[in-house]
PDB file of N, CA and C in Angstrom:
ATOM      1  N   MET A   1     -14.799 -33.950   5.352  1.00  0.00           N
ATOM      2  CA  MET A   1     -14.682 -34.339   6.382  1.00  0.00           C
ATOM      3  C   MET A   1     -13.300 -34.208   7.459  1.00  0.00           C
ATOM      4  N   LYS A   2     -12.631 -35.114   7.177  1.00  0.00           N
ATOM      5  CA  LYS A   2     -11.369 -35.078   7.965  1.00  0.00           C
ATOM      6  C   LYS A   2     -10.781 -33.735   8.221  1.00  0.00           C
ATOM      7  N   ASN A   3     -10.985 -33.122   7.482  1.00  0.00           N
ATOM      8  CA  ASN A   3     -10.787 -31.838   7.416  1.00  0.00           C
ATOM      9  C   ASN A   3     -11.241 -30.557   8.789  1.00  0.00           C
ATOM     10  N   ASN A   4     -12.745 -31.194   9.077  1.00  0.00           N
ATOM     11  CA  ASN A   4     -13.299 -30.422   9.610  1.00  0.00           C
ATOM     12  C   ASN A   4     -13.635 -30.860  11.289  1.00  0.00           C
ATOM     13  N   ILE A   5     -12.920 -32.184  11.452  1.00  0.00           N
ATOM     14  CA  ILE A   5     -12.414 -32.807  12.839  1.00  0.00           C
ATOM     15  C   ILE A   5     -11.068 -32.297  12.986  1.00  0.00           C
ATOM     16  N   LYS A   6     -10.162 -32.423  12.404  1.00  0.00           N
ATOM     17  CA  LYS A   6      -8.990 -30.994  12.658  1.00  0.00           C
ATOM     18  C   LYS A   6      -9.151 -29.735  12.812  1.00  0.00           C
ATOM     19  N   MET A   7      -9.877 -29.381  12.204  1.00  0.00           N
ATOM     20  CA  MET A   7     -10.375 -27.835  12.914  1.00  0.00           C
ATOM     21  C   MET A   7     -11.001 -28.042  14.411  1.00  0.00           C
ATOM     22  N   LEU A   8     -11.942 -29.065  14.354  1.00  0.00           N
ATOM     23  CA  LEU A   8     -12.289 -29.281  15.281  1.00  0.00           C
ATOM     24  C   LEU A   8     -11.288 -29.364  16.764  1.00  0.00           C
ATOM     25  N   ILE A   9     -10.442 -30.474  16.424  1.00  0.00           N
ATOM     26  CA  ILE A   9      -9.452 -30.555  17.625  1.00  0.00           C
ATOM     27  C   ILE A   9      -8.661 -29.433  17.798  1.00  0.00           C
ATOM     28  N   LEU A  10      -8.665 -28.891  16.777  1.00  0.00           N
ATOM     29  CA  LEU A  10      -7.279 -27.043  17.162  1.00  0.00           C
ATOM     30  C   LEU A  10      -8.076 -26.697  17.291  1.00  0.00           C
ATOM     31  N   LEU A  11      -9.492 -26.147  17.455  1.00  0.00           N
ATOM     32  CA  LEU A  11     -10.003 -24.999  18.308  1.00  0.00           C
ATOM     33  C   LEU A  11     -10.598 -25.544  19.508  1.00  0.00           C
ATOM     34  N   VAL A  12     -10.755 -27.097  19.794  1.00  0.00           N
ATOM     35  CA  VAL A  12     -10.883 -27.461  21.098  1.00  0.00           C
ATOM     36  C   VAL A  12      -9.247 -27.034  22.010  1.00  0.00           C
ATOM     37  N   TYR A  13      -8.163 -27.391  21.188  1.00  0.00           N
ATOM     38  CA  TYR A  13      -7.147 -27.161  21.751  1.00  0.00           C
ATOM     39  C   TYR A  13      -6.966 -25.610  22.377  1.00  0.00           C
ATOM     40  N   MET A  14      -7.625 -24.962  21.395  1.00  0.00           N
ATOM     41  CA  MET A  14      -6.901 -23.421  21.644  1.00  0.00           C
ATOM     42  C   MET A  14      -7.776 -22.688  22.868  1.00  0.00           C
ATOM     43  N   LEU A  15      -8.837 -23.810  22.809  1.00  0.00           N
ATOM     44  CA  LEU A  15      -9.778 -23.228  23.837  1.00  0.00           C
ATOM     45  C   LEU A  15      -9.572 -23.447  25.217  1.00  0.00           C
ATOM     46  N   VAL A  16      -8.853 -24.585  25.200  1.00  0.00           N
ATOM     47  CA  VAL A  16      -8.449 -25.228  26.514  1.00  0.00           C
ATOM     48  C   VAL A  16      -7.260 -24.454  27.069  1.00  0.00           C
ATOM     49  N   SER A  17      -6.446 -24.000  25.830  1.00  0.00           N
ATOM     50  CA  SER A  17      -5.143 -23.560  26.323  1.00  0.00           C
ATOM     51  C   SER A  17      -5.068 -22.208  26.010  1.00  0.00           C
ATOM     52  N   GLN A  18      -6.459 -21.420  25.896  1.00  0.00           N
ATOM     53  CA  GLN A  18      -6.607 -19.607  26.225  1.00  0.00           C
ATOM     54  C   GLN A  18      -7.488 -19.755  27.674  1.00  0.00           C
ATOM     55  N   ALA A  19      -8.006 -20.647  28.006  1.00  0.00           N
ATOM     56  CA  ALA A  19      -8.992 -20.088  29.246  1.00  0.00           C
ATOM     57  C   ALA A  19      -7.820 -20.615  30.209  1.00  0.00           C
ATOM     58  N   ALA A  20      -6.736 -21.533  30.231  1.00  0.00           N
ATOM     59  CA  ALA A  20      -5.628 -21.683  31.452  1.00  0.00           C
ATOM     60  C   ALA A  20      -4.580 -21.223  31.143  1.00  0.00           C
ATOM     61  N   PHE A  21      -4.007 -20.343  30.106  1.00  0.00           N
ATOM     62  CA  PHE A  21      -2.964 -19.592  30.167  1.00  0.00           C
ATOM     63  C   PHE A  21      -3.259 -18.175  30.210  1.00  0.00           C
ATOM     64  N   CYS A  22      -4.530 -17.777  30.166  1.00  0.00           N
ATOM     65  CA  CYS A  22      -5.102 -16.015  29.966  1.00  0.00           C
ATOM     66  C   CYS A  22      -4.492 -15.213  31.271  1.00  0.00           C
ATOM     67  N   GLY A  23      -3.602 -14.343  30.801  1.00  0.00           N
ATOM     68  CA  GLY A  23      -2.810 -13.414  31.875  1.00  0.00           C
ATOM     69  C   GLY A  23      -2.532 -13.709  32.860  1.00  0.00           C
ATOM     70  N   THR A  24      -2.045 -15.321  32.659  1.00  0.00           N
ATOM     71  CA  THR A  24      -0.909 -15.643  33.636  1.00  0.00           C
ATOM     72  C   THR A  24       0.574 -16.021  33.481  1.00  0.00           C
ATOM     73  N   ASP A  25       1.102 -15.402  33.909  1.00  0.00           N
ATOM     74  CA  ASP A  25       2.529 -15.960  33.954  1.00  0.00           C
ATOM     75  C   ASP A  25       3.092 -16.825  34.561  1.00  0.00           C
ATOM     76  N   LEU A  26       3.473 -18.242  34.069  1.00  0.00           N
ATOM     77  CA  LEU A  26       3.772 -19.286  34.925  1.00  0.00           C
ATOM     78  C   LEU A  26       5.043 -19.532  35.809  1.00  0.00           C
ATOM     79  N   SER A  27       6.134 -18.791  35.154  1.00  0.00           N
ATOM     80  CA  SER A  27       6.993 -18.079  36.153  1.00  0.00           C
ATOM     81  C   SER A  27       7.258 -17.895  37.626  1.00  0.00           C
ATOM     82  N   ALA A  28       5.923 -17.241  37.259  1.00  0.00           N
ATOM     83  CA  ALA A  28       5.882 -16.688  38.840  1.00  0.00           C
ATOM     84  C   ALA A  28       4.613 -17.190  39.524  1.00  0.00           C
ATOM     85  N   VAL A  29       4.028 -18.188  39.177  1.00  0.00           N
ATOM     86  CA  VAL A  29       3.407 -18.882  39.795  1.00  0.00           C
ATOM     87  C   VAL A  29       3.799 -19.836  40.762  1.00  0.00           C
ATOM     88  N   ASN A  30       3.161 -20.022  41.579  1.00  0.00           N
ATOM     89  CA  ASN A  30       3.578 -20.907  42.778  1.00  0.00           C
ATOM     90  C   ASN A  30       2.878 -22.344  42.303  1.00  0.00           C
ATOM     91  N   THR A  31       3.375 -23.713  43.422  1.00  0.00           N
ATOM     92  CA  THR A  31       2.907 -24.921  42.864  1.00  0.00           C
ATOM     93  C   THR A  31       1.578 -25.193  42.888  1.00  0.00           C
ATOM     94  N   ASN A  32       1.220 -24.394  44.518  1.00  0.00           N
ATOM     95  CA  ASN A  32      -0.226 -24.763  44.511  1.00  0.00           C
ATOM     96  C   ASN A  32      -1.325 -23.846  43.473  1.00  0.00           C
ATOM     97  N   THR A  33      -0.944 -22.644  42.820  1.00  0.00           N
ATOM     98  CA  THR A  33      -1.961 -22.540  41.914  1.00  0.00           C
ATOM     99  C   THR A  33      -1.719 -23.345  40.124  1.00  0.00           C
ATOM    100  N   GLN A  34      -0.303 -23.897  40.585  1.00  0.00           N
ATOM    101  CA  GLN A  34      -0.249 -24.485  39.028  1.00  0.00           C
ATOM    102  C   GLN A  34      -1.061 -25.871  39.194  1.00  0.00           C
ATOM    103  N   THR A  35      -1.213 -26.467  40.062  1.00  0.00           N
ATOM    104  CA  THR A  35      -2.148 -27.360  40.695  1.00  0.00           C
ATOM    105  C   THR A  35      -3.509 -27.135  39.905  1.00  0.00           C
ATOM    106  N   GLU A  36      -3.822 -25.844  40.572  1.00  0.00           N
ATOM    107  CA  GLU A  36      -5.635 -25.328  40.473  1.00  0.00           C
ATOM    108  C   GLU A  36      -5.702 -24.978  39.320  1.00  0.00           C
ATOM    109  N   LEU A  37      -4.810 -24.812  38.359  1.00  0.00           N
ATOM    110  CA  LEU A  37      -4.477 -24.457  36.692  1.00  0.00           C
ATOM    111  C   LEU A  37      -4.663 -25.404  36.049  1.00  0.00           C
ATOM    112  N   VAL A  38      -3.865 -26.640  36.260  1.00  0.00           N
ATOM    113  CA  VAL A  38      -4.164 -28.195  35.838  1.00  0.00           C
ATOM    114  C   VAL A  38      -5.553 -28.796  36.059  1.00  0.00           C
ATOM    115  N   VAL A  39      -6.322 -28.510  37.158  1.00  0.00           N
ATOM    116  CA  VAL A  39      -7.272 -29.086  37.504  1.00  0.00           C
ATOM    117  C   VAL A  39      -8.303 -28.130  36.881  1.00  0.00           C
ATOM    118  N   MET A  40      -8.150 -27.071  36.839  1.00  0.00           N
ATOM    119  CA  MET A  40      -8.992 -26.236  36.057  1.00  0.00           C
ATOM    120  C   MET A  40      -9.386 -26.507  34.199  1.00  0.00           C
ATOM    121  N   MET A  41      -7.873 -27.126  33.781  1.00  0.00           N
ATOM    122  CA  MET A  41      -7.670 -27.043  32.152  1.00  0.00           C
ATOM    123  C   MET A  41      -8.766 -28.764  32.387  1.00  0.00           C
ATOM    124  N   ILE A  42      -8.362 -29.309  32.820  1.00  0.00           N
ATOM    125  CA  ILE A  42      -8.996 -30.818  33.341  1.00  0.00           C
ATOM    126  C   ILE A  42     -10.001 -30.805  33.195  1.00  0.00           C
ATOM    127  N   LYS A  43     -10.759 -29.958  34.134  1.00  0.00           N
ATOM    128  CA  LYS A  43     -12.169 -29.869  34.216  1.00  0.00           C
ATOM    129  C   LYS A  43     -12.601 -29.036  32.681  1.00  0.00           C
ATOM    130  N   PHE A  44     -12.329 -27.931  32.218  1.00  0.00           N
ATOM    131  CA  PHE A  44     -12.881 -27.523  31.201  1.00  0.00           C
ATOM    132  C   PHE A  44     -12.769 -28.576  29.979  1.00  0.00           C
ATOM    133  N   GLY A  45     -11.553 -29.218  29.821  1.00  0.00           N
ATOM    134  CA  GLY A  45     -11.498 -30.157  28.481  1.00  0.00           C
ATOM    135  C   GLY A  45     -12.557 -31.276  28.599  1.00  0.00           C
ATOM    136  N   LYS A  46     -13.083 -31.731  30.004  1.00  0.00           N
ATOM    137  CA  LYS A  46     -13.980 -32.646  30.293  1.00  0.00           C
ATOM    138  C   LYS A  46     -15.620 -32.297  29.492  1.00  0.00           C
ATOM    139  N   VAL A  47     -15.771 -30.996  30.526  1.00  0.00           N
ATOM    140  CA  VAL A  47     -16.806 -30.060  29.767  1.00  0.00           C
ATOM    141  C   VAL A  47     -16.873 -30.157  28.491  1.00  0.00           C
ATOM    142  N   MET A  48     -15.783 -29.624  27.967  1.00  0.00           N
ATOM    143  CA  MET A  48     -15.551 -29.810  25.987  1.00  0.00           C
ATOM    144  C   MET A  48     -16.416 -31.003  25.604  1.00  0.00           C
ATOM    145  N   PHE A  49     -15.687 -32.126  26.358  1.00  0.00           N
ATOM    146  CA  PHE A  49     -15.700 -33.482  25.498  1.00  0.00           C
ATOM    147  C   PHE A  49     -16.925 -34.019  25.777  1.00  0.00           C
ATOM    148  N   GLY A  50     -17.476 -33.393  26.757  1.00  0.00           N
ATOM    149  CA  GLY A  50     -19.161 -33.810  27.068  1.00  0.00           C
ATOM    150  C   GLY A  50     -19.876 -33.071  25.776  1.00  0.00           C
ATOM    151  N   VAL A  51     -19.832 -31.238  25.866  1.00  0.00           N
ATOM    152  CA  VAL A  51     -20.380 -30.836  24.592  1.00  0.00           C
ATOM    153  C   VAL A  51     -19.950 -31.714  23.497  1.00  0.00           C
ATOM    154  N   LEU A  52     -19.149 -31.892  23.010  1.00  0.00           N
ATOM    155  CA  LEU A  52     -18.791 -32.506  21.832  1.00  0.00           C
ATOM    156  C   LEU A  52     -19.679 -34.148  21.545  1.00  0.00           C
ATOM    157  N   ILE A  53     -19.928 -34.704  23.029  1.00  0.00           N
ATOM    158  CA  ILE A  53     -20.580 -35.772  22.859  1.00  0.00           C
ATOM    159  C   ILE A  53     -21.878 -35.784  22.911  1.00  0.00           C
ATOM    160  N   ALA A  54     -22.390 -34.657  23.237  1.00  0.00           N
ATOM    161  CA  ALA A  54     -23.905 -34.354  23.108  1.00  0.00           C
ATOM    162  C   ALA A  54     -24.551 -33.646  21.731  1.00  0.00           C
ATOM    163  N   SER A  55     -23.215 -32.919  21.458  1.00  0.00           N
ATOM    164  CA  SER A  55     -23.389 -32.777  20.026  1.00  0.00           C
ATOM    165  C   SER A  55     -23.518 -33.338  18.914  1.00  0.00           C
ATOM    166  N   ALA A  56     -22.798 -34.596  18.692  1.00  0.00           N
ATOM    167  CA  ALA A  56     -22.648 -35.393  18.156  1.00  0.00           C
ATOM    168  C   ALA A  56     -23.873 -36.565  18.230  1.00  0.00           C
ATOM    169  N   ILE A  57     -24.479 -36.492  19.193  1.00  0.00           N
ATOM    170  CA  ILE A  57     -25.741 -37.325  19.587  1.00  0.00           C
ATOM    171  C   ILE A  57     -26.921 -36.734  19.364  1.00  0.00           C
ATOM    172  N   ILE A  58     -26.712 -35.364  19.541  1.00  0.00           N
ATOM    173  CA  ILE A  58     -27.951 -34.853  18.760  1.00  0.00           C
ATOM    174  C   ILE A  58     -28.066 -34.813  16.996  1.00  0.00           C
ATOM    175  N   TYR A  59     -26.756 -34.525  16.670  1.00  0.00           N
ATOM    176  CA  TYR A  59     -26.428 -34.614  15.206  1.00  0.00           C
ATOM    177  C   TYR A  59     -26.890 -35.789  14.654  1.00  0.00           C
ATOM    178  N   ILE A  60     -26.569 -37.089  15.396  1.00  0.00           N
ATOM    179  CA  ILE A  60     -26.989 -38.595  14.789  1.00  0.00           C
ATOM    180  C   ILE A  60     -28.762 -38.478  15.035  1.00  0.00           C
ATOM    181  N   ILE A  61     -29.697 -37.900  15.917  1.00  0.00           N
ATOM    182  CA  ILE A  61     -30.694 -37.892  16.324  1.00  0.00           C
ATOM    183  C   ILE A  61     -31.350 -37.201  15.116  1.00  0.00           C
ATOM    184  N   LEU A  62     -31.174 -36.128  14.723  1.00  0.00           N
ATOM    185  CA  LEU A  62     -31.543 -35.470  13.747  1.00  0.00           C
ATOM    186  C   LEU A  62     -31.489 -35.946  12.641  1.00  0.00           C
ATOM    187  N   LEU A  63     -30.235 -36.922  12.221  1.00  0.00           N
ATOM    188  CA  LEU A  63     -30.213 -37.505  10.670  1.00  0.00           C
ATOM    189  C   LEU A  63     -30.841 -38.384  10.725  1.00  0.00           C
ATOM    190  N   ILE A  64     -31.296 -39.107  12.056  1.00  0.00           N
ATOM    191  CA  ILE A  64     -32.392 -40.594  11.570  1.00  0.00           C
ATOM    192  C   ILE A  64     -33.502 -40.125  11.591  1.00  0.00           C
ATOM    193  N   TRP A  65     -33.809 -38.686  12.466  1.00  0.00           N
ATOM    194  CA  TRP A  65     -35.432 -37.990  11.906  1.00  0.00           C
ATOM    195  C   TRP A  65     -35.685 -37.409  10.899  1.00  0.00           C
ATOM    196  N   ASN A  66     -34.787 -37.079  10.336  1.00  0.00           N
ATOM    197  CA  ASN A  66     -34.719 -36.181   8.607  1.00  0.00           C
ATOM    198  C   ASN A  66     -34.748 -37.646   7.876  1.00  0.00           C
ATOM    199  N   ALA A  67     -34.338 -38.667   8.374  1.00  0.00           N
ATOM    200  CA  ALA A  67     -34.301 -39.791   7.102  1.00  0.00           C
ATOM    201  C   ALA A  67     -35.911 -40.104   7.038  1.00  0.00           C
ATOM    202  N   ILE A  68     -36.324 -40.605   8.535  1.00  0.00           N
ATOM    203  CA  ILE A  68     -37.640 -41.058   8.656  1.00  0.00           C
ATOM    204  C   ILE A  68     -38.475 -39.968   7.814  1.00  0.00           C
ATOM    205  N   ILE A  69     -38.462 -38.971   8.513  1.00  0.00           N
ATOM    206  CA  ILE A  69     -39.476 -37.750   8.067  1.00  0.00           C
ATOM    207  C   ILE A  69     -39.318 -37.173   6.803  1.00  0.00           C
ATOM    208  N   GLU A  70     -38.524 -37.708   6.274  1.00  0.00           N
ATOM    209  CA  GLU A  70     -38.291 -37.423   4.430  1.00  0.00           C
ATOM    210  C   GLU A  70     -38.593 -38.607   3.937  1.00  0.00           C
ATOM    211  N   HIS A  71     -38.670 -39.438   4.318  1.00  0.00           N
ATOM    212  CA  HIS A  71     -38.849 -40.934   3.803  1.00  0.00           C
ATOM    213  C   HIS A  71     -40.380 -41.131   3.622  1.00  0.00           C
ATOM    214  N   ASN A  72     -40.735 -40.713   4.836  1.00  0.00           N
ATOM    215  CA  ASN A  72     -42.510 -40.542   4.750  1.00  0.00           C
ATOM    216  C   ASN A  72     -43.188 -39.127   4.028  1.00  0.00           C
ATOM    217  N   THR A  73     -42.637 -38.191   4.253  1.00  0.00           N
ATOM    218  CA  THR A  73     -43.337 -37.335   3.309  1.00  0.00           C
ATOM    219  C   THR A  73     -42.852 -37.032   1.644  1.00  0.00           C
ATOM    220  N   ARG A  74     -42.112 -37.916   1.316  1.00  0.00           N
ATOM    221  CA  ARG A  74     -41.267 -37.970  -0.048  1.00  0.00           C
ATOM    222  C   ARG A  74     -42.935 -38.641  -0.662  1.00  0.00           C
ATOM    223  N   ASP A  75     -43.359 -39.504  -0.182  1.00  0.00           N
ATOM    224  CA  ASP A  75     -44.591 -40.409  -0.875  1.00  0.00           C
ATOM    225  C   ASP A  75     -45.909 -39.194  -1.097  1.00  0.00           C
ATOM    226  N   LYS A  76     -45.584 -38.270  -0.040  1.00  0.00           N
ATOM    227  CA  LYS A  76     -47.568 -38.024  -0.296  1.00  0.00           C
ATOM    228  C   LYS A  76     -47.220 -36.775  -1.168  1.00  0.00           C
ATOM    229  N   ILE A  77     -45.415 -35.900  -1.528  1.00  0.00           N
ATOM    230  CA  ILE A  77     -45.912 -35.014  -2.274  1.00  0.00           C
ATOM    231  C   ILE A  77     -46.244 -35.403  -3.402  1.00  0.00           C
ATOM    232  N   THR A  78     -47.286 -34.876  -4.112  1.00  0.00           N
ATOM    233  CA  THR A  78     -47.746 -35.107  -5.547  1.00  0.00           C
ATOM    234  C   THR A  78     -47.338 -33.593  -6.327  1.00  0.00           C
ATOM    235  N   ASP A  79     -47.850 -33.917  -7.738  1.00  0.00           N
ATOM    236  CA  ASP A  79     -47.672 -32.689  -8.634  1.00  0.00           C
ATOM    237  C   ASP A  79     -48.393 -31.812  -8.309  1.00  0.00           C
ATOM    238  N   LEU A  80     -50.141 -32.416  -8.244  1.00  0.00           N
ATOM    239  CA  LEU A  80     -51.257 -31.477  -8.081  1.00  0.00           C
ATOM    240  C   LEU A  80     -50.701 -30.623  -6.829  1.00  0.00           C
ATOM    241  N   SER A  81     -49.799 -30.788  -5.524  1.00  0.00           N
ATOM    242  CA  SER A  81     -49.927 -29.952  -4.583  1.00  0.00           C
ATOM    243  C   SER A  81     -48.795 -28.890  -5.052  1.00  0.00           C
ATOM    244  N   LEU A  82     -47.843 -28.915  -5.846  1.00  0.00           N
ATOM    245  CA  LEU A  82     -46.714 -28.096  -6.409  1.00  0.00           C
ATOM    246  C   LEU A  82     -47.098 -27.284  -7.497  1.00  0.00           C
ATOM    247  N   LYS A  83     -48.643 -27.606  -8.014  1.00  0.00           N
ATOM    248  CA  LYS A  83     -49.074 -26.748  -9.083  1.00  0.00           C
ATOM    249  C   LYS A  83     -49.347 -25.425  -8.797  1.00  0.00           C
ATOM    250  N   THR A  84     -49.206 -24.299  -9.471  1.00  0.00           N
ATOM    251  CA  THR A  84     -49.563 -23.080  -8.865  1.00  0.00           C
ATOM    252  C   THR A  84     -51.163 -23.060  -9.435  1.00  0.00           C
ATOM    253  N   PRO A  85     -52.429 -22.513  -8.991  1.00  0.00           N
ATOM    254  CA  PRO A  85     -53.350 -22.638  -9.578  1.00  0.00           C
ATOM    255  C   PRO A  85     -53.771 -21.562 -10.592  1.00  0.00           C
ATOM    256  N   GLN A  86     -54.314 -21.750 -11.680  1.00  0.00           N
ATOM    257  CA  GLN A  86     -54.032 -20.475 -12.764  1.00  0.00           C
ATOM    258  C   GLN A  86     -55.178 -19.380 -13.015  1.00  0.00           C
ATOM    259  N   ASN A  87     -56.207 -19.583 -12.173  1.00  0.00           N
ATOM    260  CA  ASN A  87     -57.154 -18.788 -12.035  1.00  0.00           C
ATOM    261  C   ASN A  87     -58.109 -18.883 -10.455  1.00  0.00           C
ATOM    262  N   THR A  88     -58.987 -18.426 -10.318  1.00  0.00           N
ATOM    263  CA  THR A  88     -59.885 -18.036  -8.811  1.00  0.00           C
ATOM    264  C   THR A  88     -60.098 -19.070  -9.032  1.00  0.00           C
ATOM    265  N   ASP A  89     -60.929 -20.025  -9.800  1.00  0.00           N
ATOM    266  CA  ASP A  89     -61.939 -21.394  -9.302  1.00  0.00           C
ATOM    267  C   ASP A  89     -61.197 -22.233  -9.023  1.00  0.00           C
ATOM    268  N   ASP A  90     -59.349 -22.595  -9.596  1.00  0.00           N
ATOM    269  CA  ASP A  90     -58.761 -23.582  -9.720  1.00  0.00           C
ATOM    270  C   ASP A  90     -57.773 -23.151  -7.998  1.00  0.00           C
ATOM    271  N   ALA A  91     -58.087 -21.831  -7.779  1.00  0.00           N
ATOM    272  CA  ALA A  91     -56.875 -21.594  -6.460  1.00  0.00           C
ATOM    273  C   ALA A  91     -58.327 -22.010  -5.051  1.00  0.00           C
ATOM    274  N   ILE A  92     -59.358 -22.098  -5.230  1.00  0.00           N
ATOM    275  CA  ILE A  92     -60.689 -22.155  -4.291  1.00  0.00           C
ATOM    276  C   ILE A  92     -60.744 -24.316  -4.399  1.00  0.00           C
ATOM    277  N   MET A  93     -60.823 -24.591  -5.519  1.00  0.00           N
ATOM    278  CA  MET A  93     -60.918 -25.937  -5.293  1.00  0.00           C
ATOM    279  C   MET A  93     -59.546 -27.120  -4.930  1.00  0.00           C
ATOM    280  N   PHE A  94     -58.191 -25.833  -4.971  1.00  0.00           N
ATOM    281  CA  PHE A  94     -57.387 -26.217  -4.559  1.00  0.00           C
ATOM    282  C   PHE A  94     -57.231 -26.278  -3.151  1.00  0.00           C
ATOM    283  N   PHE A  95     -57.750 -24.951  -2.532  1.00  0.00           N
ATOM    284  CA  PHE A  95     -57.778 -25.104  -1.104  1.00  0.00           C
ATOM    285  C   PHE A  95     -59.187 -25.745  -0.122  1.00  0.00           C
ATOM    286  N   ILE A  96     -60.084 -26.202  -1.142  1.00  0.00           N
ATOM    287  CA  ILE A  96     -61.040 -26.870  -0.799  1.00  0.00           C
ATOM    288  C   ILE A  96     -60.301 -28.497  -0.161  1.00  0.00           C
ATOM    289  N   ASN A  97     -59.597 -29.467  -1.090  1.00  0.00           N
ATOM    290  CA  ASN A  97     -59.129 -30.028  -1.667  1.00  0.00           C
ATOM    291  C   ASN A  97     -57.773 -30.567  -0.587  1.00  0.00           C
ATOM    292  N   LYS A  98     -57.458 -29.233  -0.557  1.00  0.00           N
ATOM    293  CA  LYS A  98     -56.097 -29.496   0.653  1.00  0.00           C
ATOM    294  C   LYS A  98     -56.652 -29.499   2.018  1.00  0.00           C
ATOM    295  N   ASN A  99     -57.614 -28.912   2.458  1.00  0.00           N
ATOM    296  CA  ASN A  99     -57.948 -28.556   3.720  1.00  0.00           C
ATOM    297  C   ASN A  99     -59.199 -29.447   3.932  1.00  0.00           C
ATOM    298  N   SER A 100     -59.448 -30.261   3.227  1.00  0.00           N
ATOM    299  CA  SER A 100     -60.526 -31.519   3.169  1.00  0.00           C
ATOM    300  C   SER A 100     -62.197 -30.592   3.736  1.00  0.00           C
ATOM    301  N   LEU A 101     -62.473 -29.632   3.100  1.00  0.00           N
ATOM    302  CA  LEU A 101     -63.347 -29.076   3.570  1.00  0.00           C
ATOM    303  C   LEU A 101     -64.649 -29.849   2.684  1.00  0.00           C
ATOM    304  N   GLU A 102     -65.846 -29.547   2.807  1.00  0.00           N
ATOM    305  CA  GLU A 102     -66.760 -30.374   2.147  1.00  0.00           C
ATOM    306  C   GLU A 102     -68.172 -29.336   2.041  1.00  0.00           C
TER     307      GLU A 102
END
């Protein structure tokens, strides 16, 4: 997990630096353009942080959802529902019982 976090931080750093310095020679850039470049880097960093937070929230919600659904459906699974019918009559009876047909 720690390795994944380090890789994520490195990826975000590389994305921000590549977007900021792509194709520009900073020695030839005037101060106004440098200021705009810094503002652009800050905005991009904020957006990437927002994406990170939104992804974390979605991940946590899905973990909770999976725990609730898996907990509720674990009790409903029976050995009968996982058994393969041996003949046509068993298959028909399984279909009728599964779909509550009478």
